[in-house]
Amino acid sequence: MKWLTALLRVFLLAVFFLFAQKNFETATLRFYFDLEWRAPLILMLLLFFTLGIAVALVAMLPRLLRYRRERAPAGAPGGGVPGAGVPAAAREDAAAGGRR
């Protein structure tokens, strides 16, 4: 199975390399106020692909952190135990209904 994974990786690397060679001509990205950026097309594609991944990861971060907090083992600090980050006196006060 390892050789199949290695073969697939080599194949994908070759496909991406050939794709980069076919898209190496200069492209122009025009902004407002007559600003423009000239760069190889493959560089622009790679940059915007990377930016898309970064934006998706940032958008996913709150849900991922909530999932990790919910799945943390019970003995971990704050993991799985309600009020684990609260001092013991405050927990006792809350359990007594706010009266001591």
PDB file of N, CA and C in Angstrom:
ATOM      1  N   MET A   1       0.812  -1.190   0.000  1.00  0.00           N
ATOM      2  CA  MET A   1       0.000   0.000   0.000  1.00  0.00           C
ATOM      3  C   MET A   1       0.859   1.259   0.000  1.00  0.00           C
ATOM      4  N   LYS A   2       2.028   1.187   0.653  1.00  0.00           N
ATOM      5  CA  LYS A   2       2.919   2.343   0.682  1.00  0.00           C
ATOM      6  C   LYS A   2       3.417   2.692  -0.718  1.00  0.00           C
ATOM      7  N   TRP A   3       3.680   1.671  -1.528  1.00  0.00           N
ATOM      8  CA  TRP A   3       4.170   1.954  -2.878  1.00  0.00           C
ATOM      9  C   TRP A   3       3.080   2.597  -3.720  1.00  0.00           C
ATOM     10  N   LEU A   4       1.832   2.246  -3.472  1.00  0.00           N
ATOM     11  CA  LEU A   4       0.727   2.860  -4.203  1.00  0.00           C
ATOM     12  C   LEU A   4       0.584   4.336  -3.830  1.00  0.00           C
ATOM     13  N   THR A   5       0.739   4.647  -2.554  1.00  0.00           N
ATOM     14  CA  THR A   5       0.691   6.040  -2.103  1.00  0.00           C
ATOM     15  C   THR A   5       1.850   6.830  -2.699  1.00  0.00           C
ATOM     16  N   ALA A   6       3.039   6.236  -2.709  1.00  0.00           N
ATOM     17  CA  ALA A   6       4.203   6.904  -3.287  1.00  0.00           C
ATOM     18  C   ALA A   6       4.006   7.131  -4.782  1.00  0.00           C
ATOM     19  N   LEU A   7       3.455   6.152  -5.477  1.00  0.00           N
ATOM     20  CA  LEU A   7       3.189   6.289  -6.904  1.00  0.00           C
ATOM     21  C   LEU A   7       2.169   7.392  -7.174  1.00  0.00           C
ATOM     22  N   LEU A   8       1.150   7.476  -6.357  1.00  0.00           N
ATOM     23  CA  LEU A   8       0.142   8.525  -6.502  1.00  0.00           C
ATOM     24  C   LEU A   8       0.746   9.903  -6.266  1.00  0.00           C
ATOM     25  N   ARG A   9       1.616  10.020  -5.267  1.00  0.00           N
ATOM     26  CA  ARG A   9       2.284  11.300  -5.005  1.00  0.00           C
ATOM     27  C   ARG A   9       3.171  11.719  -6.171  1.00  0.00           C
ATOM     28  N   VAL A  10       3.915  10.796  -6.730  1.00  0.00           N
ATOM     29  CA  VAL A  10       4.775  11.108  -7.877  1.00  0.00           C
ATOM     30  C   VAL A  10       3.919  11.533  -9.068  1.00  0.00           C
ATOM     31  N   PHE A  11       2.811  10.848  -9.282  1.00  0.00           N
ATOM     32  CA  PHE A  11       1.911  11.192 -10.373  1.00  0.00           C
ATOM     33  C   PHE A  11       1.343  12.603 -10.201  1.00  0.00           C
ATOM     34  N   LEU A  12       0.874  12.918  -8.986  1.00  0.00           N
ATOM     35  CA  LEU A  12       0.332  14.252  -8.738  1.00  0.00           C
ATOM     36  C   LEU A  12       1.394  15.333  -8.871  1.00  0.00           C
ATOM     37  N   LEU A  13       2.599  15.054  -8.420  1.00  0.00           N
ATOM     38  CA  LEU A  13       3.694  16.013  -8.580  1.00  0.00           C
ATOM     39  C   LEU A  13       3.963  16.276 -10.059  1.00  0.00           C
ATOM     40  N   ALA A  14       3.978  15.229 -10.871  1.00  0.00           N
ATOM     41  CA  ALA A  14       4.202  15.394 -12.308  1.00  0.00           C
ATOM     42  C   ALA A  14       3.074  16.191 -12.950  1.00  0.00           C
ATOM     43  N   VAL A  15       1.833  15.915 -12.559  1.00  0.00           N
ATOM     44  CA  VAL A  15       0.696  16.664 -13.112  1.00  0.00           C
ATOM     45  C   VAL A  15       0.792  18.137 -12.746  1.00  0.00           C
ATOM     46  N   PHE A  16       1.090  18.435 -11.483  1.00  0.00           N
ATOM     47  CA  PHE A  16       1.197  19.835 -11.065  1.00  0.00           C
ATOM     48  C   PHE A  16       2.384  20.528 -11.730  1.00  0.00           C
ATOM     49  N   PHE A  17       3.488  19.822 -11.914  1.00  0.00           N
ATOM     50  CA  PHE A  17       4.647  20.410 -12.584  1.00  0.00           C
ATOM     51  C   PHE A  17       4.325  20.738 -14.041  1.00  0.00           C
ATOM     52  N   LEU A  18       3.669  19.817 -14.729  1.00  0.00           N
ATOM     53  CA  LEU A  18       3.288  20.079 -16.127  1.00  0.00           C
ATOM     54  C   LEU A  18       2.259  21.204 -16.214  1.00  0.00           C
ATOM     55  N   PHE A  19       1.343  21.271 -15.260  1.00  0.00           N
ATOM     56  CA  PHE A  19       0.369  22.362 -15.221  1.00  0.00           C
ATOM     57  C   PHE A  19       1.076  23.705 -15.046  1.00  0.00           C
ATOM     58  N   ALA A  20       2.105  23.733 -14.189  1.00  0.00           N
ATOM     59  CA  ALA A  20       2.856  24.966 -13.971  1.00  0.00           C
ATOM     60  C   ALA A  20       3.601  25.384 -15.233  1.00  0.00           C
ATOM     61  N   GLN A  21       4.150  24.427 -15.952  1.00  0.00           N
ATOM     62  CA  GLN A  21       4.852  24.757 -17.191  1.00  0.00           C
ATOM     63  C   GLN A  21       3.907  25.311 -18.246  1.00  0.00           C
ATOM     64  N   LYS A  22       2.691  24.791 -18.321  1.00  0.00           N
ATOM     65  CA  LYS A  22       1.733  25.254 -19.326  1.00  0.00           C
ATOM     66  C   LYS A  22       1.173  26.635 -18.995  1.00  0.00           C
ATOM     67  N   ASN A  23       1.224  27.066 -17.736  1.00  0.00           N
ATOM     68  CA  ASN A  23       0.631  28.333 -17.316  1.00  0.00           C
ATOM     69  C   ASN A  23       1.678  29.310 -16.800  1.00  0.00           C
ATOM     70  N   PHE A  24       2.792  29.413 -17.500  1.00  0.00           N
ATOM     71  CA  PHE A  24       3.870  30.272 -17.041  1.00  0.00           C
ATOM     72  C   PHE A  24       3.873  31.631 -17.724  1.00  0.00           C
ATOM     73  N   GLU A  25       2.964  31.856 -18.675  1.00  0.00           N
ATOM     74  CA  GLU A  25       2.958  33.164 -19.332  1.00  0.00           C
ATOM     75  C   GLU A  25       2.539  34.253 -18.349  1.00  0.00           C
ATOM     76  N   THR A  26       2.915  35.474 -18.647  1.00  0.00           N
ATOM     77  CA  THR A  26       2.634  36.601 -17.768  1.00  0.00           C
ATOM     78  C   THR A  26       1.162  36.987 -17.846  1.00  0.00           C
ATOM     79  N   ALA A  27       0.572  37.198 -16.688  1.00  0.00           N
ATOM     80  CA  ALA A  27      -0.822  37.639 -16.599  1.00  0.00           C
ATOM     81  C   ALA A  27      -0.851  38.983 -15.878  1.00  0.00           C
ATOM     82  N   THR A  28      -1.895  39.744 -16.143  1.00  0.00           N
ATOM     83  CA  THR A  28      -2.043  41.051 -15.520  1.00  0.00           C
ATOM     84  C   THR A  28      -3.303  41.053 -14.666  1.00  0.00           C
ATOM     85  N   LEU A  29      -3.148  41.430 -13.428  1.00  0.00           N
ATOM     86  CA  LEU A  29      -4.277  41.576 -12.520  1.00  0.00           C
ATOM     87  C   LEU A  29      -4.488  43.066 -12.319  1.00  0.00           C
ATOM     88  N   ARG A  30      -5.649  43.559 -12.733  1.00  0.00           N
ATOM     89  CA  ARG A  30      -5.928  44.993 -12.668  1.00  0.00           C
ATOM     90  C   ARG A  30      -6.793  45.315 -11.454  1.00  0.00           C
ATOM     91  N   PHE A  31      -6.343  46.322 -10.701  1.00  0.00           N
ATOM     92  CA  PHE A  31      -7.063  46.810  -9.534  1.00  0.00           C
ATOM     93  C   PHE A  31      -7.700  48.144  -9.883  1.00  0.00           C
ATOM     94  N   TYR A  32      -8.369  48.740  -8.908  1.00  0.00           N
ATOM     95  CA  TYR A  32      -8.912  50.085  -9.099  1.00  0.00           C
ATOM     96  C   TYR A  32      -7.788  51.106  -9.088  1.00  0.00           C
ATOM     97  N   PHE A  33      -8.076  52.304  -9.519  1.00  0.00           N
ATOM     98  CA  PHE A  33      -7.129  53.428  -9.573  1.00  0.00           C
ATOM     99  C   PHE A  33      -5.927  53.116 -10.469  1.00  0.00           C
ATOM    100  N   ASP A  34      -6.164  52.389 -11.540  1.00  0.00           N
ATOM    101  CA  ASP A  34      -5.139  52.052 -12.547  1.00  0.00           C
ATOM    102  C   ASP A  34      -3.920  51.329 -11.967  1.00  0.00           C
ATOM    103  N   LEU A  35      -4.119  50.589 -10.899  1.00  0.00           N
ATOM    104  CA  LEU A  35      -3.046  49.759 -10.362  1.00  0.00           C
ATOM    105  C   LEU A  35      -3.120  48.398 -11.027  1.00  0.00           C
ATOM    106  N   GLU A  36      -1.984  47.826 -11.310  1.00  0.00           N
ATOM    107  CA  GLU A  36      -1.965  46.486 -11.895  1.00  0.00           C
ATOM    108  C   GLU A  36      -0.748  45.723 -11.406  1.00  0.00           C
ATOM    109  N   TRP A  37      -0.887  44.400 -11.437  1.00  0.00           N
ATOM    110  CA  TRP A  37       0.191  43.509 -11.000  1.00  0.00           C
ATOM    111  C   TRP A  37       0.436  42.520 -12.122  1.00  0.00           C
ATOM    112  N   ARG A  38       1.662  42.449 -12.582  1.00  0.00           N
ATOM    113  CA  ARG A  38       2.048  41.510 -13.634  1.00  0.00           C
ATOM    114  C   ARG A  38       2.931  40.429 -13.010  1.00  0.00           C
ATOM    115  N   ALA A  39       2.531  39.189 -13.227  1.00  0.00           N
ATOM    116  CA  ALA A  39       3.281  38.058 -12.682  1.00  0.00           C
ATOM    117  C   ALA A  39       2.920  36.825 -13.506  1.00  0.00           C
ATOM    118  N   PRO A  40       3.708  35.768 -13.411  1.00  0.00           N
ATOM    119  CA  PRO A  40       3.337  34.522 -14.087  1.00  0.00           C
ATOM    120  C   PRO A  40       1.993  34.013 -13.571  1.00  0.00           C
ATOM    121  N   LEU A  41       1.206  33.475 -14.474  1.00  0.00           N
ATOM    122  CA  LEU A  41      -0.134  33.005 -14.126  1.00  0.00           C
ATOM    123  C   LEU A  41      -0.089  31.947 -13.031  1.00  0.00           C
ATOM    124  N   ILE A  42       0.870  31.042 -13.091  1.00  0.00           N
ATOM    125  CA  ILE A  42       0.938  29.976 -12.088  1.00  0.00           C
ATOM    126  C   ILE A  42       1.213  30.547 -10.703  1.00  0.00           C
ATOM    127  N   LEU A  43       1.985  31.642 -10.636  1.00  0.00           N
ATOM    128  CA  LEU A  43       2.248  32.284  -9.348  1.00  0.00           C
ATOM    129  C   LEU A  43       0.960  32.888  -8.783  1.00  0.00           C
ATOM    130  N   MET A  44       0.174  33.522  -9.640  1.00  0.00           N
ATOM    131  CA  MET A  44      -1.107  34.080  -9.189  1.00  0.00           C
ATOM    132  C   MET A  44      -2.055  32.973  -8.738  1.00  0.00           C
ATOM    133  N   LEU A  45      -2.117  31.882  -9.489  1.00  0.00           N
ATOM    134  CA  LEU A  45      -2.985  30.764  -9.109  1.00  0.00           C
ATOM    135  C   LEU A  45      -2.568  30.183  -7.764  1.00  0.00           C
ATOM    136  N   LEU A  46      -1.279  29.984  -7.575  1.00  0.00           N
ATOM    137  CA  LEU A  46      -0.777  29.435  -6.319  1.00  0.00           C
ATOM    138  C   LEU A  46      -1.057  30.375  -5.153  1.00  0.00           C
ATOM    139  N   LEU A  47      -0.858  31.675  -5.361  1.00  0.00           N
ATOM    140  CA  LEU A  47      -1.105  32.650  -4.309  1.00  0.00           C
ATOM    141  C   LEU A  47      -2.576  32.663  -3.897  1.00  0.00           C
ATOM    142  N   PHE A  48      -3.480  32.718  -4.867  1.00  0.00           N
ATOM    143  CA  PHE A  48      -4.899  32.792  -4.522  1.00  0.00           C
ATOM    144  C   PHE A  48      -5.419  31.458  -3.981  1.00  0.00           C
ATOM    145  N   PHE A  49      -4.865  30.362  -4.403  1.00  0.00           N
ATOM    146  CA  PHE A  49      -5.221  29.062  -3.830  1.00  0.00           C
ATOM    147  C   PHE A  49      -4.812  29.009  -2.360  1.00  0.00           C
ATOM    148  N   THR A  50      -3.598  29.484  -2.072  1.00  0.00           N
ATOM    149  CA  THR A  50      -3.104  29.509  -0.697  1.00  0.00           C
ATOM    150  C   THR A  50      -3.933  30.461   0.160  1.00  0.00           C
ATOM    151  N   LEU A  51      -4.286  31.618  -0.373  1.00  0.00           N
ATOM    152  CA  LEU A  51      -5.129  32.554   0.367  1.00  0.00           C
ATOM    153  C   LEU A  51      -6.509  31.954   0.643  1.00  0.00           C
ATOM    154  N   GLY A  52      -7.045  31.211  -0.292  1.00  0.00           N
ATOM    155  CA  GLY A  52      -8.330  30.558  -0.087  1.00  0.00           C
ATOM    156  C   GLY A  52      -8.279  29.533   1.023  1.00  0.00           C
ATOM    157  N   ILE A  53      -7.203  28.773   1.077  1.00  0.00           N
ATOM    158  CA  ILE A  53      -7.038  27.797   2.159  1.00  0.00           C
ATOM    159  C   ILE A  53      -6.927  28.513   3.504  1.00  0.00           C
ATOM    160  N   ALA A  54      -6.168  29.619   3.544  1.00  0.00           N
ATOM    161  CA  ALA A  54      -6.004  30.370   4.791  1.00  0.00           C
ATOM    162  C   ALA A  54      -7.342  30.937   5.271  1.00  0.00           C
ATOM    163  N   VAL A  55      -8.124  31.503   4.360  1.00  0.00           N
ATOM    164  CA  VAL A  55      -9.431  32.057   4.734  1.00  0.00           C
ATOM    165  C   VAL A  55     -10.350  30.948   5.242  1.00  0.00           C
ATOM    166  N   ALA A  56     -10.333  29.794   4.592  1.00  0.00           N
ATOM    167  CA  ALA A  56     -11.170  28.676   5.034  1.00  0.00           C
ATOM    168  C   ALA A  56     -10.758  28.186   6.414  1.00  0.00           C
ATOM    169  N   LEU A  57      -9.465  28.110   6.692  1.00  0.00           N
ATOM    170  CA  LEU A  57      -8.998  27.673   8.007  1.00  0.00           C
ATOM    171  C   LEU A  57      -9.386  28.668   9.099  1.00  0.00           C
ATOM    172  N   VAL A  58      -9.282  29.959   8.796  1.00  0.00           N
ATOM    173  CA  VAL A  58      -9.675  30.972   9.779  1.00  0.00           C
ATOM    174  C   VAL A  58     -11.178  30.896  10.036  1.00  0.00           C
ATOM    175  N   ALA A  59     -11.961  30.661   8.985  1.00  0.00           N
ATOM    176  CA  ALA A  59     -13.406  30.547   9.155  1.00  0.00           C
ATOM    177  C   ALA A  59     -13.780  29.298   9.949  1.00  0.00           C
ATOM    178  N   MET A  60     -12.990  28.255   9.849  1.00  0.00           N
ATOM    179  CA  MET A  60     -13.255  26.999  10.533  1.00  0.00           C
ATOM    180  C   MET A  60     -12.730  26.971  11.969  1.00  0.00           C
ATOM    181  N   LEU A  61     -11.867  27.887  12.310  1.00  0.00           N
ATOM    182  CA  LEU A  61     -11.177  27.861  13.595  1.00  0.00           C
ATOM    183  C   LEU A  61     -12.111  27.854  14.806  1.00  0.00           C
ATOM    184  N   PRO A  62     -13.141  28.703  14.901  1.00  0.00           N
ATOM    185  CA  PRO A  62     -13.999  28.650  16.090  1.00  0.00           C
ATOM    186  C   PRO A  62     -14.673  27.289  16.289  1.00  0.00           C
ATOM    187  N   ARG A  63     -15.160  26.704  15.223  1.00  0.00           N
ATOM    188  CA  ARG A  63     -15.810  25.392  15.337  1.00  0.00           C
ATOM    189  C   ARG A  63     -14.798  24.325  15.728  1.00  0.00           C
ATOM    190  N   LEU A  64     -13.600  24.385  15.165  1.00  0.00           N
ATOM    191  CA  LEU A  64     -12.558  23.415  15.496  1.00  0.00           C
ATOM    192  C   LEU A  64     -12.151  23.520  16.961  1.00  0.00           C
ATOM    193  N   LEU A  65     -12.003  24.739  17.459  1.00  0.00           N
ATOM    194  CA  LEU A  65     -11.630  24.914  18.863  1.00  0.00           C
ATOM    195  C   LEU A  65     -12.738  24.432  19.787  1.00  0.00           C
ATOM    196  N   ARG A  66     -13.993  24.694  19.437  1.00  0.00           N
ATOM    197  CA  ARG A  66     -15.106  24.217  20.246  1.00  0.00           C
ATOM    198  C   ARG A  66     -15.130  22.685  20.255  1.00  0.00           C
ATOM    199  N   TYR A  67     -14.891  22.076  19.100  1.00  0.00           N
ATOM    200  CA  TYR A  67     -14.872  20.617  19.014  1.00  0.00           C
ATOM    201  C   TYR A  67     -13.753  20.034  19.883  1.00  0.00           C
ATOM    202  N   ARG A  68     -12.575  20.641  19.819  1.00  0.00           N
ATOM    203  CA  ARG A  68     -11.453  20.151  20.624  1.00  0.00           C
ATOM    204  C   ARG A  68     -11.737  20.300  22.113  1.00  0.00           C
ATOM    205  N   ARG A  69     -12.396  21.395  22.499  1.00  0.00           N
ATOM    206  CA  ARG A  69     -12.722  21.616  23.899  1.00  0.00           C
ATOM    207  C   ARG A  69     -13.734  20.576  24.380  1.00  0.00           C
ATOM    208  N   GLU A  70     -14.707  20.234  23.537  1.00  0.00           N
ATOM    209  CA  GLU A  70     -15.707  19.244  23.910  1.00  0.00           C
ATOM    210  C   GLU A  70     -15.131  17.834  23.964  1.00  0.00           C
ATOM    211  N   ARG A  71     -14.150  17.547  23.128  1.00  0.00           N
ATOM    212  CA  ARG A  71     -13.576  16.204  23.048  1.00  0.00           C
ATOM    213  C   ARG A  71     -12.387  16.001  23.969  1.00  0.00           C
ATOM    214  N   ALA A  72     -11.985  17.024  24.725  1.00  0.00           N
ATOM    215  CA  ALA A  72     -10.808  16.903  25.600  1.00  0.00           C
ATOM    216  C   ALA A  72     -11.097  15.892  26.703  1.00  0.00           C
ATOM    217  N   PRO A  73     -10.086  15.162  27.143  1.00  0.00           N
ATOM    218  CA  PRO A  73     -10.293  14.198  28.227  1.00  0.00           C
ATOM    219  C   PRO A  73     -10.690  14.915  29.514  1.00  0.00           C
ATOM    220  N   ALA A  74     -11.418  14.204  30.364  1.00  0.00           N
ATOM    221  CA  ALA A  74     -11.966  14.807  31.581  1.00  0.00           C
ATOM    222  C   ALA A  74     -10.869  15.282  32.535  1.00  0.00           C
ATOM    223  N   GLY A  75      -9.715  14.662  32.532  1.00  0.00           N
ATOM    224  CA  GLY A  75      -8.647  15.060  33.447  1.00  0.00           C
ATOM    225  C   GLY A  75      -7.854  16.264  32.973  1.00  0.00           C
ATOM    226  N   ALA A  76      -8.015  16.657  31.727  1.00  0.00           N
ATOM    227  CA  ALA A  76      -7.263  17.791  31.202  1.00  0.00           C
ATOM    228  C   ALA A  76      -7.823  19.085  31.780  1.00  0.00           C
ATOM    229  N   PRO A  77      -6.986  20.114  31.928  1.00  0.00           N
ATOM    230  CA  PRO A  77      -7.473  21.378  32.476  1.00  0.00           C
ATOM    231  C   PRO A  77      -8.581  21.956  31.599  1.00  0.00           C
ATOM    232  N   GLY A  78      -9.738  22.101  32.157  1.00  0.00           N
ATOM    233  CA  GLY A  78     -10.857  22.682  31.440  1.00  0.00           C
ATOM    234  C   GLY A  78     -11.528  21.740  30.468  1.00  0.00           C
ATOM    235  N   GLY A  79     -11.069  20.521  30.356  1.00  0.00           N
ATOM    236  CA  GLY A  79     -11.605  19.616  29.350  1.00  0.00           C
ATOM    237  C   GLY A  79     -12.689  18.716  29.865  1.00  0.00           C
ATOM    238  N   GLY A  80     -13.874  18.869  29.364  1.00  0.00           N
ATOM    239  CA  GLY A  80     -14.961  17.973  29.669  1.00  0.00           C
ATOM    240  C   GLY A  80     -15.601  18.154  31.031  1.00  0.00           C
ATOM    241  N   VAL A  81     -15.044  19.012  31.871  1.00  0.00           N
ATOM    242  CA  VAL A  81     -15.604  19.222  33.198  1.00  0.00           C
ATOM    243  C   VAL A  81     -16.168  20.634  33.249  1.00  0.00           C
ATOM    244  N   PRO A  82     -17.484  20.784  33.427  1.00  0.00           N
ATOM    245  CA  PRO A  82     -18.048  22.132  33.500  1.00  0.00           C
ATOM    246  C   PRO A  82     -17.483  22.880  34.699  1.00  0.00           C
ATOM    247  N   GLY A  83     -17.043  24.098  34.477  1.00  0.00           N
ATOM    248  CA  GLY A  83     -16.520  24.932  35.548  1.00  0.00           C
ATOM    249  C   GLY A  83     -15.129  24.553  35.986  1.00  0.00           C
ATOM    250  N   ALA A  84     -14.358  23.851  35.142  1.00  0.00           N
ATOM    251  CA  ALA A  84     -13.028  23.398  35.548  1.00  0.00           C
ATOM    252  C   ALA A  84     -12.065  24.564  35.706  1.00  0.00           C
ATOM    253  N   GLY A  85     -12.295  25.648  34.979  1.00  0.00           N
ATOM    254  CA  GLY A  85     -11.400  26.792  35.083  1.00  0.00           C
ATOM    255  C   GLY A  85     -11.811  27.748  36.196  1.00  0.00           C
ATOM    256  N   VAL A  86     -12.896  27.432  36.916  1.00  0.00           N
ATOM    257  CA  VAL A  86     -13.416  28.303  37.966  1.00  0.00           C
ATOM    258  C   VAL A  86     -12.814  27.864  39.305  1.00  0.00           C
ATOM    259  N   PRO A  87     -12.400  28.809  40.148  1.00  0.00           N
ATOM    260  CA  PRO A  87     -11.849  28.428  41.447  1.00  0.00           C
ATOM    261  C   PRO A  87     -12.873  27.661  42.277  1.00  0.00           C
ATOM    262  N   ALA A  88     -12.384  26.829  43.207  1.00  0.00           N
ATOM    263  CA  ALA A  88     -13.252  25.958  43.998  1.00  0.00           C
ATOM    264  C   ALA A  88     -14.250  26.757  44.831  1.00  0.00           C
ATOM    265  N   ALA A  89     -13.837  27.890  45.402  1.00  0.00           N
ATOM    266  CA  ALA A  89     -14.740  28.694  46.227  1.00  0.00           C
ATOM    267  C   ALA A  89     -15.914  29.200  45.401  1.00  0.00           C
ATOM    268  N   ALA A  90     -15.652  29.585  44.166  1.00  0.00           N
ATOM    269  CA  ALA A  90     -16.723  30.085  43.316  1.00  0.00           C
ATOM    270  C   ALA A  90     -17.670  28.947  42.943  1.00  0.00           C
ATOM    271  N   ARG A  91     -17.132  27.748  42.723  1.00  0.00           N
ATOM    272  CA  ARG A  91     -17.992  26.593  42.414  1.00  0.00           C
ATOM    273  C   ARG A  91     -18.882  26.255  43.590  1.00  0.00           C
ATOM    274  N   GLU A  92     -18.328  26.279  44.799  1.00  0.00           N
ATOM    275  CA  GLU A  92     -19.116  25.982  45.990  1.00  0.00           C
ATOM    276  C   GLU A  92     -20.193  27.035  46.204  1.00  0.00           C
ATOM    277  N   ASP A  93     -19.844  28.289  45.932  1.00  0.00           N
ATOM    278  CA  ASP A  93     -20.808  29.376  46.086  1.00  0.00           C
ATOM    279  C   ASP A  93     -21.955  29.210  45.087  1.00  0.00           C
ATOM    280  N   ALA A  94     -21.636  28.844  43.866  1.00  0.00           N
ATOM    281  CA  ALA A  94     -22.662  28.634  42.844  1.00  0.00           C
ATOM    282  C   ALA A  94     -23.527  27.432  43.197  1.00  0.00           C
ATOM    283  N   ALA A  95     -22.912  26.395  43.770  1.00  0.00           N
ATOM    284  CA  ALA A  95     -23.683  25.196  44.130  1.00  0.00           C
ATOM    285  C   ALA A  95     -24.630  25.483  45.286  1.00  0.00           C
ATOM    286  N   ALA A  96     -24.261  26.432  46.155  1.00  0.00           N
ATOM    287  CA  ALA A  96     -25.100  26.775  47.298  1.00  0.00           C
ATOM    288  C   ALA A  96     -26.186  27.768  46.898  1.00  0.00           C
ATOM    289  N   GLY A  97     -26.267  28.101  45.636  1.00  0.00           N
ATOM    290  CA  GLY A  97     -27.285  29.043  45.185  1.00  0.00           C
ATOM    291  C   GLY A  97     -26.917  30.483  45.414  1.00  0.00           C
ATOM    292  N   GLY A  98     -25.656  30.766  45.544  1.00  0.00           N
ATOM    293  CA  GLY A  98     -25.213  32.133  45.718  1.00  0.00           C
ATOM    294  C   GLY A  98     -25.194  32.577  47.170  1.00  0.00           C
ATOM    295  N   ARG A  99     -25.591  31.707  48.110  1.00  0.00           N
ATOM    296  CA  ARG A  99     -25.608  32.067  49.537  1.00  0.00           C
ATOM    297  C   ARG A  99     -24.530  31.260  50.247  1.00  0.00           C
ATOM    298  N   ARG A 100     -23.870  31.883  51.153  1.00  0.00           N
ATOM    299  CA  ARG A 100     -22.859  31.173  51.956  1.00  0.00           C
ATOM    300  C   ARG A 100     -23.161  31.281  53.391  1.00  0.00           C
TER     301      ARG A 100
END
